[in-house]
Amino acid sequence: MSKIAVIKTGGKQYKVAEGDKIQIEKIEGDEGKKMDFKDVLLVADTKGTDVQIGDPLVKNAKVSGVIEKQYRDKKITVIKYKSKIRYRRKKGHRQPKTLVKIESI
């Protein structure tokens, strides 16, 4: 029976299952390095019969994964503009991201 979990990392929450690949905010580590997520908010099976909800975290629960890739996301353009006073600013930004493959819950 496969399990799902809700983890918290980088100020966001992600629903993950074994074998999933998730894009998260950049975390330190080289490609191929194993890592554990200890901030587990929920653990359940896929049918929903065995559910453990944290208060705020589930005790003795961890999600293991492997860093597959460190990269930067697509470029976004940020523009500031004020009319009638000749104020224009244009700036680009690329957010650093990490691709993680979930191995076990």
PDB file of N, CA and C in Angstrom:
ATOM      1  N   MET A   1       0.849  -1.177   0.000  1.00  0.00           N
ATOM      2  CA  MET A   1       0.000   0.000   0.000  1.00  0.00           C
ATOM      3  C   MET A   1       0.895   1.241   0.000  1.00  0.00           C
ATOM      4  N   SER A   2       0.658   2.133  -0.920  1.00  0.00           N
ATOM      5  CA  SER A   2       1.500   3.319  -1.015  1.00  0.00           C
ATOM      6  C   SER A   2       1.002   4.411  -0.074  1.00  0.00           C
ATOM      7  N   LYS A   3       1.909   5.298   0.286  1.00  0.00           N
ATOM      8  CA  LYS A   3       1.598   6.363   1.228  1.00  0.00           C
ATOM      9  C   LYS A   3       1.752   7.711   0.563  1.00  0.00           C
ATOM     10  N   ILE A   4       1.059   8.689   1.102  1.00  0.00           N
ATOM     11  CA  ILE A   4       1.243  10.075   0.717  1.00  0.00           C
ATOM     12  C   ILE A   4       1.594  10.862   1.974  1.00  0.00           C
ATOM     13  N   ALA A   5       2.183  12.017   1.778  1.00  0.00           N
ATOM     14  CA  ALA A   5       2.550  12.873   2.906  1.00  0.00           C
ATOM     15  C   ALA A   5       2.463  14.328   2.471  1.00  0.00           C
ATOM     16  N   VAL A   6       2.321  15.201   3.459  1.00  0.00           N
ATOM     17  CA  VAL A   6       2.387  16.640   3.226  1.00  0.00           C
ATOM     18  C   VAL A   6       3.607  17.134   3.985  1.00  0.00           C
ATOM     19  N   ILE A   7       4.560  17.729   3.241  1.00  0.00           N
ATOM     20  CA  ILE A   7       5.783  18.230   3.865  1.00  0.00           C
ATOM     21  C   ILE A   7       5.837  19.740   3.734  1.00  0.00           C
ATOM     22  N   LYS A   8       6.643  20.351   4.594  1.00  0.00           N
ATOM     23  CA  LYS A   8       6.823  21.801   4.561  1.00  0.00           C
ATOM     24  C   LYS A   8       8.294  22.090   4.323  1.00  0.00           C
ATOM     25  N   THR A   9       8.579  22.871   3.299  1.00  0.00           N
ATOM     26  CA  THR A   9       9.948  23.303   3.023  1.00  0.00           C
ATOM     27  C   THR A   9       9.918  24.607   2.242  1.00  0.00           C
ATOM     28  N   GLY A  10      10.820  25.491   2.543  1.00  0.00           N
ATOM     29  CA  GLY A  10      10.905  26.758   1.828  1.00  0.00           C
ATOM     30  C   GLY A  10       9.690  27.640   2.011  1.00  0.00           C
ATOM     31  N   GLY A  11       8.977  27.500   3.139  1.00  0.00           N
ATOM     32  CA  GLY A  11       7.804  28.321   3.396  1.00  0.00           C
ATOM     33  C   GLY A  11       6.568  27.860   2.653  1.00  0.00           C
ATOM     34  N   LYS A  12       6.622  26.705   2.014  1.00  0.00           N
ATOM     35  CA  LYS A  12       5.484  26.182   1.253  1.00  0.00           C
ATOM     36  C   LYS A  12       5.215  24.752   1.680  1.00  0.00           C
ATOM     37  N   GLN A  13       4.016  24.270   1.353  1.00  0.00           N
ATOM     38  CA  GLN A  13       3.633  22.895   1.661  1.00  0.00           C
ATOM     39  C   GLN A  13       3.454  22.130   0.359  1.00  0.00           C
ATOM     40  N   TYR A  14       3.896  20.866   0.348  1.00  0.00           N
ATOM     41  CA  TYR A  14       3.830  20.029  -0.844  1.00  0.00           C
ATOM     42  C   TYR A  14       3.226  18.676  -0.489  1.00  0.00           C
ATOM     43  N   LYS A  15       2.303  18.206  -1.325  1.00  0.00           N
ATOM     44  CA  LYS A  15       1.756  16.859  -1.176  1.00  0.00           C
ATOM     45  C   LYS A  15       2.607  15.934  -2.028  1.00  0.00           C
ATOM     46  N   VAL A  16       3.193  14.898  -1.413  1.00  0.00           N
ATOM     47  CA  VAL A  16       4.123  14.028  -2.120  1.00  0.00           C
ATOM     48  C   VAL A  16       3.740  12.569  -1.913  1.00  0.00           C
ATOM     49  N   ALA A  17       4.144  11.732  -2.852  1.00  0.00           N
ATOM     50  CA  ALA A  17       4.020  10.283  -2.761  1.00  0.00           C
ATOM     51  C   ALA A  17       5.361   9.696  -3.166  1.00  0.00           C
ATOM     52  N   GLU A  18       5.548   8.413  -2.896  1.00  0.00           N
ATOM     53  CA  GLU A  18       6.803   7.762  -3.253  1.00  0.00           C
ATOM     54  C   GLU A  18       6.943   7.743  -4.775  1.00  0.00           C
ATOM     55  N   GLY A  19       8.119   8.150  -5.263  1.00  0.00           N
ATOM     56  CA  GLY A  19       8.382   8.185  -6.692  1.00  0.00           C
ATOM     57  C   GLY A  19       8.092   9.533  -7.344  1.00  0.00           C
ATOM     58  N   ASP A  20       7.485  10.476  -6.621  1.00  0.00           N
ATOM     59  CA  ASP A  20       7.192  11.796  -7.180  1.00  0.00           C
ATOM     60  C   ASP A  20       8.458  12.623  -7.343  1.00  0.00           C
ATOM     61  N   LYS A  21       8.412  13.547  -8.298  1.00  0.00           N
ATOM     62  CA  LYS A  21       9.460  14.551  -8.450  1.00  0.00           C
ATOM     63  C   LYS A  21       8.819  15.901  -8.185  1.00  0.00           C
ATOM     64  N   ILE A  22       9.425  16.673  -7.275  1.00  0.00           N
ATOM     65  CA  ILE A  22       8.868  17.977  -6.934  1.00  0.00           C
ATOM     66  C   ILE A  22       9.919  19.061  -7.141  1.00  0.00           C
ATOM     67  N   GLN A  23       9.438  20.244  -7.537  1.00  0.00           N
ATOM     68  CA  GLN A  23      10.290  21.415  -7.670  1.00  0.00           C
ATOM     69  C   GLN A  23      10.084  22.259  -6.427  1.00  0.00           C
ATOM     70  N   ILE A  24      11.152  22.488  -5.665  1.00  0.00           N
ATOM     71  CA  ILE A  24      11.046  23.257  -4.438  1.00  0.00           C
ATOM     72  C   ILE A  24      12.018  24.425  -4.483  1.00  0.00           C
ATOM     73  N   GLU A  25      11.872  25.336  -3.519  1.00  0.00           N
ATOM     74  CA  GLU A  25      12.824  26.428  -3.396  1.00  0.00           C
ATOM     75  C   GLU A  25      14.213  25.843  -3.157  1.00  0.00           C
ATOM     76  N   LYS A  26      15.236  26.548  -3.586  1.00  0.00           N
ATOM     77  CA  LYS A  26      16.593  26.006  -3.541  1.00  0.00           C
ATOM     78  C   LYS A  26      17.005  25.618  -2.128  1.00  0.00           C
ATOM     79  N   ILE A  27      17.570  24.406  -2.023  1.00  0.00           N
ATOM     80  CA  ILE A  27      18.182  23.952  -0.788  1.00  0.00           C
ATOM     81  C   ILE A  27      19.618  23.570  -1.113  1.00  0.00           C
ATOM     82  N   GLU A  28      20.480  23.693  -0.135  1.00  0.00           N
ATOM     83  CA  GLU A  28      21.898  23.417  -0.351  1.00  0.00           C
ATOM     84  C   GLU A  28      22.118  21.919  -0.526  1.00  0.00           C
ATOM     85  N   GLY A  29      23.019  21.570  -1.426  1.00  0.00           N
ATOM     86  CA  GLY A  29      23.372  20.179  -1.644  1.00  0.00           C
ATOM     87  C   GLY A  29      23.710  19.929  -3.097  1.00  0.00           C
ATOM     88  N   ASP A  30      24.536  18.913  -3.320  1.00  0.00           N
ATOM     89  CA  ASP A  30      24.936  18.554  -4.672  1.00  0.00           C
ATOM     90  C   ASP A  30      23.950  17.558  -5.261  1.00  0.00           C
ATOM     91  N   GLU A  31      23.999  17.433  -6.581  1.00  0.00           N
ATOM     92  CA  GLU A  31      23.137  16.469  -7.263  1.00  0.00           C
ATOM     93  C   GLU A  31      23.515  15.056  -6.838  1.00  0.00           C
ATOM     94  N   GLY A  32      22.516  14.222  -6.550  1.00  0.00           N
ATOM     95  CA  GLY A  32      22.744  12.863  -6.105  1.00  0.00           C
ATOM     96  C   GLY A  32      22.811  12.717  -4.592  1.00  0.00           C
ATOM     97  N   LYS A  33      22.772  13.826  -3.863  1.00  0.00           N
ATOM     98  CA  LYS A  33      22.846  13.766  -2.407  1.00  0.00           C
ATOM     99  C   LYS A  33      21.482  13.407  -1.825  1.00  0.00           C
ATOM    100  N   LYS A  34      21.477  12.498  -0.821  1.00  0.00           N
ATOM    101  CA  LYS A  34      20.241  12.127  -0.146  1.00  0.00           C
ATOM    102  C   LYS A  34      19.922  13.165   0.910  1.00  0.00           C
ATOM    103  N   MET A  35      18.620  13.381   1.137  1.00  0.00           N
ATOM    104  CA  MET A  35      18.199  14.345   2.142  1.00  0.00           C
ATOM    105  C   MET A  35      16.903  13.889   2.779  1.00  0.00           C
ATOM    106  N   ASP A  36      16.652  14.373   3.993  1.00  0.00           N
ATOM    107  CA  ASP A  36      15.443  14.027   4.719  1.00  0.00           C
ATOM    108  C   ASP A  36      14.653  15.287   5.024  1.00  0.00           C
ATOM    109  N   PHE A  37      13.345  15.209   4.840  1.00  0.00           N
ATOM    110  CA  PHE A  37      12.441  16.278   5.247  1.00  0.00           C
ATOM    111  C   PHE A  37      11.829  15.856   6.575  1.00  0.00           C
ATOM    112  N   LYS A  38      12.111  16.621   7.631  1.00  0.00           N
ATOM    113  CA  LYS A  38      11.599  16.269   8.953  1.00  0.00           C
ATOM    114  C   LYS A  38      10.312  17.019   9.291  1.00  0.00           C
ATOM    115  N   ASP A  39       9.989  18.076   8.544  1.00  0.00           N
ATOM    116  CA  ASP A  39       8.752  18.819   8.782  1.00  0.00           C
ATOM    117  C   ASP A  39       7.614  18.148   8.022  1.00  0.00           C
ATOM    118  N   VAL A  40       7.083  17.060   8.593  1.00  0.00           N
ATOM    119  CA  VAL A  40       6.003  16.294   7.974  1.00  0.00           C
ATOM    120  C   VAL A  40       4.708  16.660   8.695  1.00  0.00           C
ATOM    121  N   LEU A  41       3.737  17.194   7.946  1.00  0.00           N
ATOM    122  CA  LEU A  41       2.486  17.655   8.536  1.00  0.00           C
ATOM    123  C   LEU A  41       1.399  16.588   8.522  1.00  0.00           C
ATOM    124  N   LEU A  42       1.465  15.636   7.571  1.00  0.00           N
ATOM    125  CA  LEU A  42       0.438  14.606   7.449  1.00  0.00           C
ATOM    126  C   LEU A  42       1.027  13.384   6.775  1.00  0.00           C
ATOM    127  N   VAL A  43       0.634  12.201   7.248  1.00  0.00           N
ATOM    128  CA  VAL A  43       1.006  10.948   6.601  1.00  0.00           C
ATOM    129  C   VAL A  43      -0.268  10.120   6.494  1.00  0.00           C
ATOM    130  N   ALA A  44      -0.539   9.571   5.300  1.00  0.00           N
ATOM    131  CA  ALA A  44      -1.747   8.772   5.092  1.00  0.00           C
ATOM    132  C   ALA A  44      -1.495   7.760   3.992  1.00  0.00           C
ATOM    133  N   ASP A  45      -2.363   6.740   3.927  1.00  0.00           N
ATOM    134  CA  ASP A  45      -2.315   5.843   2.782  1.00  0.00           C
ATOM    135  C   ASP A  45      -3.236   6.405   1.703  1.00  0.00           C
ATOM    136  N   THR A  46      -3.141   5.877   0.505  1.00  0.00           N
ATOM    137  CA  THR A  46      -3.869   6.471  -0.615  1.00  0.00           C
ATOM    138  C   THR A  46      -5.383   6.298  -0.493  1.00  0.00           C
ATOM    139  N   LYS A  47      -5.847   5.281   0.250  1.00  0.00           N
ATOM    140  CA  LYS A  47      -7.292   5.082   0.423  1.00  0.00           C
ATOM    141  C   LYS A  47      -7.866   5.968   1.514  1.00  0.00           C
ATOM    142  N   GLY A  48      -7.020   6.516   2.368  1.00  0.00           N
ATOM    143  CA  GLY A  48      -7.489   7.408   3.419  1.00  0.00           C
ATOM    144  C   GLY A  48      -7.956   6.694   4.673  1.00  0.00           C
ATOM    145  N   THR A  49      -7.604   5.427   4.840  1.00  0.00           N
ATOM    146  CA  THR A  49      -8.037   4.701   6.037  1.00  0.00           C
ATOM    147  C   THR A  49      -7.100   4.944   7.216  1.00  0.00           C
ATOM    148  N   ASP A  50      -5.801   5.018   6.974  1.00  0.00           N
ATOM    149  CA  ASP A  50      -4.826   5.240   8.040  1.00  0.00           C
ATOM    150  C   ASP A  50      -4.240   6.635   7.869  1.00  0.00           C
ATOM    151  N   VAL A  51      -4.730   7.604   8.650  1.00  0.00           N
ATOM    152  CA  VAL A  51      -4.309   8.999   8.525  1.00  0.00           C
ATOM    153  C   VAL A  51      -3.701   9.456   9.840  1.00  0.00           C
ATOM    154  N   GLN A  52      -2.512  10.065   9.760  1.00  0.00           N
ATOM    155  CA  GLN A  52      -1.855  10.659  10.925  1.00  0.00           C
ATOM    156  C   GLN A  52      -1.695  12.145  10.649  1.00  0.00           C
ATOM    157  N   ILE A  53      -2.331  12.958  11.477  1.00  0.00           N
ATOM    158  CA  ILE A  53      -2.258  14.410  11.326  1.00  0.00           C
ATOM    159  C   ILE A  53      -1.370  14.949  12.430  1.00  0.00           C
ATOM    160  N   GLY A  54      -0.434  15.807  12.076  1.00  0.00           N
ATOM    161  CA  GLY A  54       0.499  16.359  13.049  1.00  0.00           C
ATOM    162  C   GLY A  54      -0.117  17.484  13.857  1.00  0.00           C
ATOM    163  N   ASP A  55       0.544  17.776  14.984  1.00  0.00           N
ATOM    164  CA  ASP A  55       0.080  18.855  15.854  1.00  0.00           C
ATOM    165  C   ASP A  55       1.262  19.680  16.320  1.00  0.00           C
ATOM    166  N   PRO A  56       1.959  20.455  15.537  1.00  0.00           N
ATOM    167  CA  PRO A  56       1.804  20.693  14.095  1.00  0.00           C
ATOM    168  C   PRO A  56       2.534  19.673  13.233  1.00  0.00           C
ATOM    169  N   LEU A  57       3.482  18.883  13.810  1.00  0.00           N
ATOM    170  CA  LEU A  57       4.230  17.911  13.018  1.00  0.00           C
ATOM    171  C   LEU A  57       3.922  16.496  13.492  1.00  0.00           C
ATOM    172  N   VAL A  58       4.030  15.531  12.576  1.00  0.00           N
ATOM    173  CA  VAL A  58       3.855  14.123  12.925  1.00  0.00           C
ATOM    174  C   VAL A  58       5.149  13.648  13.582  1.00  0.00           C
ATOM    175  N   LYS A  59       5.027  13.025  14.747  1.00  0.00           N
ATOM    176  CA  LYS A  59       6.211  12.565  15.478  1.00  0.00           C
ATOM    177  C   LYS A  59       6.815  11.345  14.788  1.00  0.00           C
ATOM    178  N   ASN A  60       8.138  11.280  14.777  1.00  0.00           N
ATOM    179  CA  ASN A  60       8.917  10.163  14.217  1.00  0.00           C
ATOM    180  C   ASN A  60       8.594   9.895  12.754  1.00  0.00           C
ATOM    181  N   ALA A  61       8.231  10.918  12.010  1.00  0.00           N
ATOM    182  CA  ALA A  61       7.957  10.747  10.577  1.00  0.00           C
ATOM    183  C   ALA A  61       8.989  11.543   9.790  1.00  0.00           C
ATOM    184  N   LYS A  62       9.447  10.954   8.685  1.00  0.00           N
ATOM    185  CA  LYS A  62      10.352  11.683   7.802  1.00  0.00           C
ATOM    186  C   LYS A  62      10.131  11.205   6.378  1.00  0.00           C
ATOM    187  N   VAL A  63      10.438  12.082   5.452  1.00  0.00           N
ATOM    188  CA  VAL A  63      10.339  11.790   4.025  1.00  0.00           C
ATOM    189  C   VAL A  63      11.738  11.887   3.457  1.00  0.00           C
ATOM    190  N   SER A  64      12.185  10.831   2.782  1.00  0.00           N
ATOM    191  CA  SER A  64      13.532  10.803   2.219  1.00  0.00           C
ATOM    192  C   SER A  64      13.479  11.050   0.724  1.00  0.00           C
ATOM    193  N   GLY A  65      14.485  11.750   0.222  1.00  0.00           N
ATOM    194  CA  GLY A  65      14.546  12.039  -1.197  1.00  0.00           C
ATOM    195  C   GLY A  65      15.977  12.212  -1.665  1.00  0.00           C
ATOM    196  N   VAL A  66      16.129  12.364  -2.978  1.00  0.00           N
ATOM    197  CA  VAL A  66      17.437  12.556  -3.597  1.00  0.00           C
ATOM    198  C   VAL A  66      17.366  13.805  -4.466  1.00  0.00           C
ATOM    199  N   ILE A  67      18.384  14.655  -4.358  1.00  0.00           N
ATOM    200  CA  ILE A  67      18.456  15.849  -5.202  1.00  0.00           C
ATOM    201  C   ILE A  67      18.843  15.409  -6.609  1.00  0.00           C
ATOM    202  N   GLU A  68      17.984  15.706  -7.579  1.00  0.00           N
ATOM    203  CA  GLU A  68      18.271  15.326  -8.956  1.00  0.00           C
ATOM    204  C   GLU A  68      18.913  16.458  -9.747  1.00  0.00           C
ATOM    205  N   LYS A  69      18.503  17.699  -9.449  1.00  0.00           N
ATOM    206  CA  LYS A  69      18.988  18.801 -10.276  1.00  0.00           C
ATOM    207  C   LYS A  69      18.882  20.118  -9.513  1.00  0.00           C
ATOM    208  N   GLN A  70      19.904  20.969  -9.667  1.00  0.00           N
ATOM    209  CA  GLN A  70      19.882  22.349  -9.178  1.00  0.00           C
ATOM    210  C   GLN A  70      19.813  23.229 -10.419  1.00  0.00           C
ATOM    211  N   TYR A  71      18.836  24.112 -10.475  1.00  0.00           N
ATOM    212  CA  TYR A  71      18.679  24.930 -11.676  1.00  0.00           C
ATOM    213  C   TYR A  71      17.991  26.247 -11.339  1.00  0.00           C
ATOM    214  N   ARG A  72      17.854  27.082 -12.346  1.00  0.00           N
ATOM    215  CA  ARG A  72      17.144  28.347 -12.196  1.00  0.00           C
ATOM    216  C   ARG A  72      15.900  28.314 -13.074  1.00  0.00           C
ATOM    217  N   ASP A  73      14.804  28.826 -12.539  1.00  0.00           N
ATOM    218  CA  ASP A  73      13.507  28.794 -13.209  1.00  0.00           C
ATOM    219  C   ASP A  73      13.482  29.776 -14.392  1.00  0.00           C
ATOM    220  N   LYS A  74      12.369  29.794 -15.108  1.00  0.00           N
ATOM    221  CA  LYS A  74      12.221  30.713 -16.234  1.00  0.00           C
ATOM    222  C   LYS A  74      12.330  32.161 -15.771  1.00  0.00           C
ATOM    223  N   LYS A  75      12.783  33.020 -16.657  1.00  0.00           N
ATOM    224  CA  LYS A  75      12.932  34.429 -16.321  1.00  0.00           C
ATOM    225  C   LYS A  75      11.576  35.121 -16.316  1.00  0.00           C
ATOM    226  N   ILE A  76      11.360  35.946 -15.287  1.00  0.00           N
ATOM    227  CA  ILE A  76      10.181  36.801 -15.272  1.00  0.00           C
ATOM    228  C   ILE A  76      10.659  38.240 -15.360  1.00  0.00           C
ATOM    229  N   THR A  77       9.838  39.099 -15.903  1.00  0.00           N
ATOM    230  CA  THR A  77      10.168  40.506 -16.056  1.00  0.00           C
ATOM    231  C   THR A  77       9.346  41.312 -15.068  1.00  0.00           C
ATOM    232  N   VAL A  78      10.032  42.162 -14.306  1.00  0.00           N
ATOM    233  CA  VAL A  78       9.378  43.031 -13.337  1.00  0.00           C
ATOM    234  C   VAL A  78       9.501  44.455 -13.864  1.00  0.00           C
ATOM    235  N   ILE A  79       8.370  45.130 -14.012  1.00  0.00           N
ATOM    236  CA  ILE A  79       8.375  46.494 -14.543  1.00  0.00           C
ATOM    237  C   ILE A  79       7.695  47.420 -13.548  1.00  0.00           C
ATOM    238  N   LYS A  80       8.362  48.537 -13.229  1.00  0.00           N
ATOM    239  CA  LYS A  80       7.756  49.590 -12.423  1.00  0.00           C
ATOM    240  C   LYS A  80       7.524  50.771 -13.350  1.00  0.00           C
ATOM    241  N   TYR A  81       6.377  51.402 -13.225  1.00  0.00           N
ATOM    242  CA  TYR A  81       6.040  52.510 -14.114  1.00  0.00           C
ATOM    243  C   TYR A  81       5.152  53.492 -13.377  1.00  0.00           C
ATOM    244  N   LYS A  82       5.486  54.774 -13.491  1.00  0.00           N
ATOM    245  CA  LYS A  82       4.623  55.826 -12.964  1.00  0.00           C
ATOM    246  C   LYS A  82       4.346  56.803 -14.098  1.00  0.00           C
ATOM    247  N   SER A  83       3.089  57.049 -14.309  1.00  0.00           N
ATOM    248  CA  SER A  83       2.719  57.904 -15.440  1.00  0.00           C
ATOM    249  C   SER A  83       3.028  59.371 -15.148  1.00  0.00           C
ATOM    250  N   LYS A  84       3.278  60.099 -16.185  1.00  0.00           N
ATOM    251  CA  LYS A  84       3.457  61.556 -16.193  1.00  0.00           C
ATOM    252  C   LYS A  84       4.726  62.052 -15.503  1.00  0.00           C
ATOM    253  N   ILE A  85       5.587  61.161 -14.976  1.00  0.00           N
ATOM    254  CA  ILE A  85       6.795  61.661 -14.332  1.00  0.00           C
ATOM    255  C   ILE A  85       8.053  60.999 -14.888  1.00  0.00           C
ATOM    256  N   ARG A  86       7.925  60.325 -16.021  1.00  0.00           N
ATOM    257  CA  ARG A  86       9.058  59.714 -16.710  1.00  0.00           C
ATOM    258  C   ARG A  86       9.818  58.720 -15.842  1.00  0.00           C
ATOM    259  N   TYR A  87       9.109  57.905 -15.082  1.00  0.00           N
ATOM    260  CA  TYR A  87       9.743  56.903 -14.225  1.00  0.00           C
ATOM    261  C   TYR A  87       9.428  55.523 -14.776  1.00  0.00           C
ATOM    262  N   ARG A  88      10.473  54.818 -15.225  1.00  0.00           N
ATOM    263  CA  ARG A  88      10.324  53.450 -15.729  1.00  0.00           C
ATOM    264  C   ARG A  88      11.518  52.632 -15.265  1.00  0.00           C
ATOM    265  N   ARG A  89      11.268  51.435 -14.755  1.00  0.00           N
ATOM    266  CA  ARG A  89      12.322  50.508 -14.370  1.00  0.00           C
ATOM    267  C   ARG A  89      11.954  49.127 -14.876  1.00  0.00           C
ATOM    268  N   LYS A  90      12.913  48.457 -15.488  1.00  0.00           N
ATOM    269  CA  LYS A  90      12.688  47.106 -15.979  1.00  0.00           C
ATOM    270  C   LYS A  90      13.771  46.208 -15.410  1.00  0.00           C
ATOM    271  N   LYS A  91      13.350  45.076 -14.865  1.00  0.00           N
ATOM    272  CA  LYS A  91      14.278  44.189 -14.190  1.00  0.00           C
ATOM    273  C   LYS A  91      13.858  42.741 -14.454  1.00  0.00           C
ATOM    274  N   GLY A  92      14.818  41.847 -14.575  1.00  0.00           N
ATOM    275  CA  GLY A  92      14.532  40.430 -14.758  1.00  0.00           C
ATOM    276  C   GLY A  92      14.923  39.651 -13.516  1.00  0.00           C
ATOM    277  N   HIS A  93      14.269  38.493 -13.324  1.00  0.00           N
ATOM    278  CA  HIS A  93      14.566  37.664 -12.157  1.00  0.00           C
ATOM    279  C   HIS A  93      14.414  36.191 -12.521  1.00  0.00           C
ATOM    280  N   ARG A  94      15.373  35.370 -12.081  1.00  0.00           N
ATOM    281  CA  ARG A  94      15.284  33.909 -12.239  1.00  0.00           C
ATOM    282  C   ARG A  94      15.433  33.271 -10.870  1.00  0.00           C
ATOM    283  N   GLN A  95      14.389  32.580 -10.419  1.00  0.00           N
ATOM    284  CA  GLN A  95      14.375  31.981  -9.086  1.00  0.00           C
ATOM    285  C   GLN A  95      15.162  30.675  -9.082  1.00  0.00           C
ATOM    286  N   PRO A  96      16.101  30.500  -8.136  1.00  0.00           N
ATOM    287  CA  PRO A  96      16.802  29.222  -8.035  1.00  0.00           C
ATOM    288  C   PRO A  96      15.881  28.144  -7.481  1.00  0.00           C
ATOM    289  N   LYS A  97      15.921  26.954  -8.087  1.00  0.00           N
ATOM    290  CA  LYS A  97      15.046  25.845  -7.708  1.00  0.00           C
ATOM    291  C   LYS A  97      15.857  24.565  -7.568  1.00  0.00           C
ATOM    292  N   THR A  98      15.253  23.571  -6.917  1.00  0.00           N
ATOM    293  CA  THR A  98      15.845  22.253  -6.759  1.00  0.00           C
ATOM    294  C   THR A  98      14.803  21.211  -7.134  1.00  0.00           C
ATOM    295  N   LEU A  99      15.207  20.234  -7.940  1.00  0.00           N
ATOM    296  CA  LEU A  99      14.327  19.131  -8.302  1.00  0.00           C
ATOM    297  C   LEU A  99      14.677  17.943  -7.407  1.00  0.00           C
ATOM    298  N   VAL A 100      13.687  17.448  -6.654  1.00  0.00           N
ATOM    299  CA  VAL A 100      13.898  16.369  -5.699  1.00  0.00           C
ATOM    300  C   VAL A 100      12.995  15.199  -6.051  1.00  0.00           C
ATOM    301  N   LYS A 101      13.562  13.972  -6.044  1.00  0.00           N
ATOM    302  CA  LYS A 101      12.776  12.767  -6.241  1.00  0.00           C
ATOM    303  C   LYS A 101      12.547  12.128  -4.863  1.00  0.00           C
ATOM    304  N   ILE A 102      11.277  11.899  -4.543  1.00  0.00           N
ATOM    305  CA  ILE A 102      10.912  11.312  -3.259  1.00  0.00           C
ATOM    306  C   ILE A 102      11.106   9.808  -3.323  1.00  0.00           C
ATOM    307  N   GLU A 103      11.860   9.263  -2.360  1.00  0.00           N
ATOM    308  CA  GLU A 103      12.148   7.824  -2.358  1.00  0.00           C
ATOM    309  C   GLU A 103      11.282   7.054  -1.364  1.00  0.00           C
ATOM    310  N   SER A 104      11.159   7.564  -0.143  1.00  0.00           N
ATOM    311  CA  SER A 104      10.386   6.822   0.850  1.00  0.00           C
ATOM    312  C   SER A 104       9.733   7.770   1.842  1.00  0.00           C
ATOM    313  N   ILE A 105       8.635   7.267   2.425  1.00  0.00           N
ATOM    314  CA  ILE A 105       7.896   8.031   3.440  1.00  0.00           C
ATOM    315  C   ILE A 105       7.894   7.203   4.708  1.00  0.00           C
TER     316      ILE A 105
END
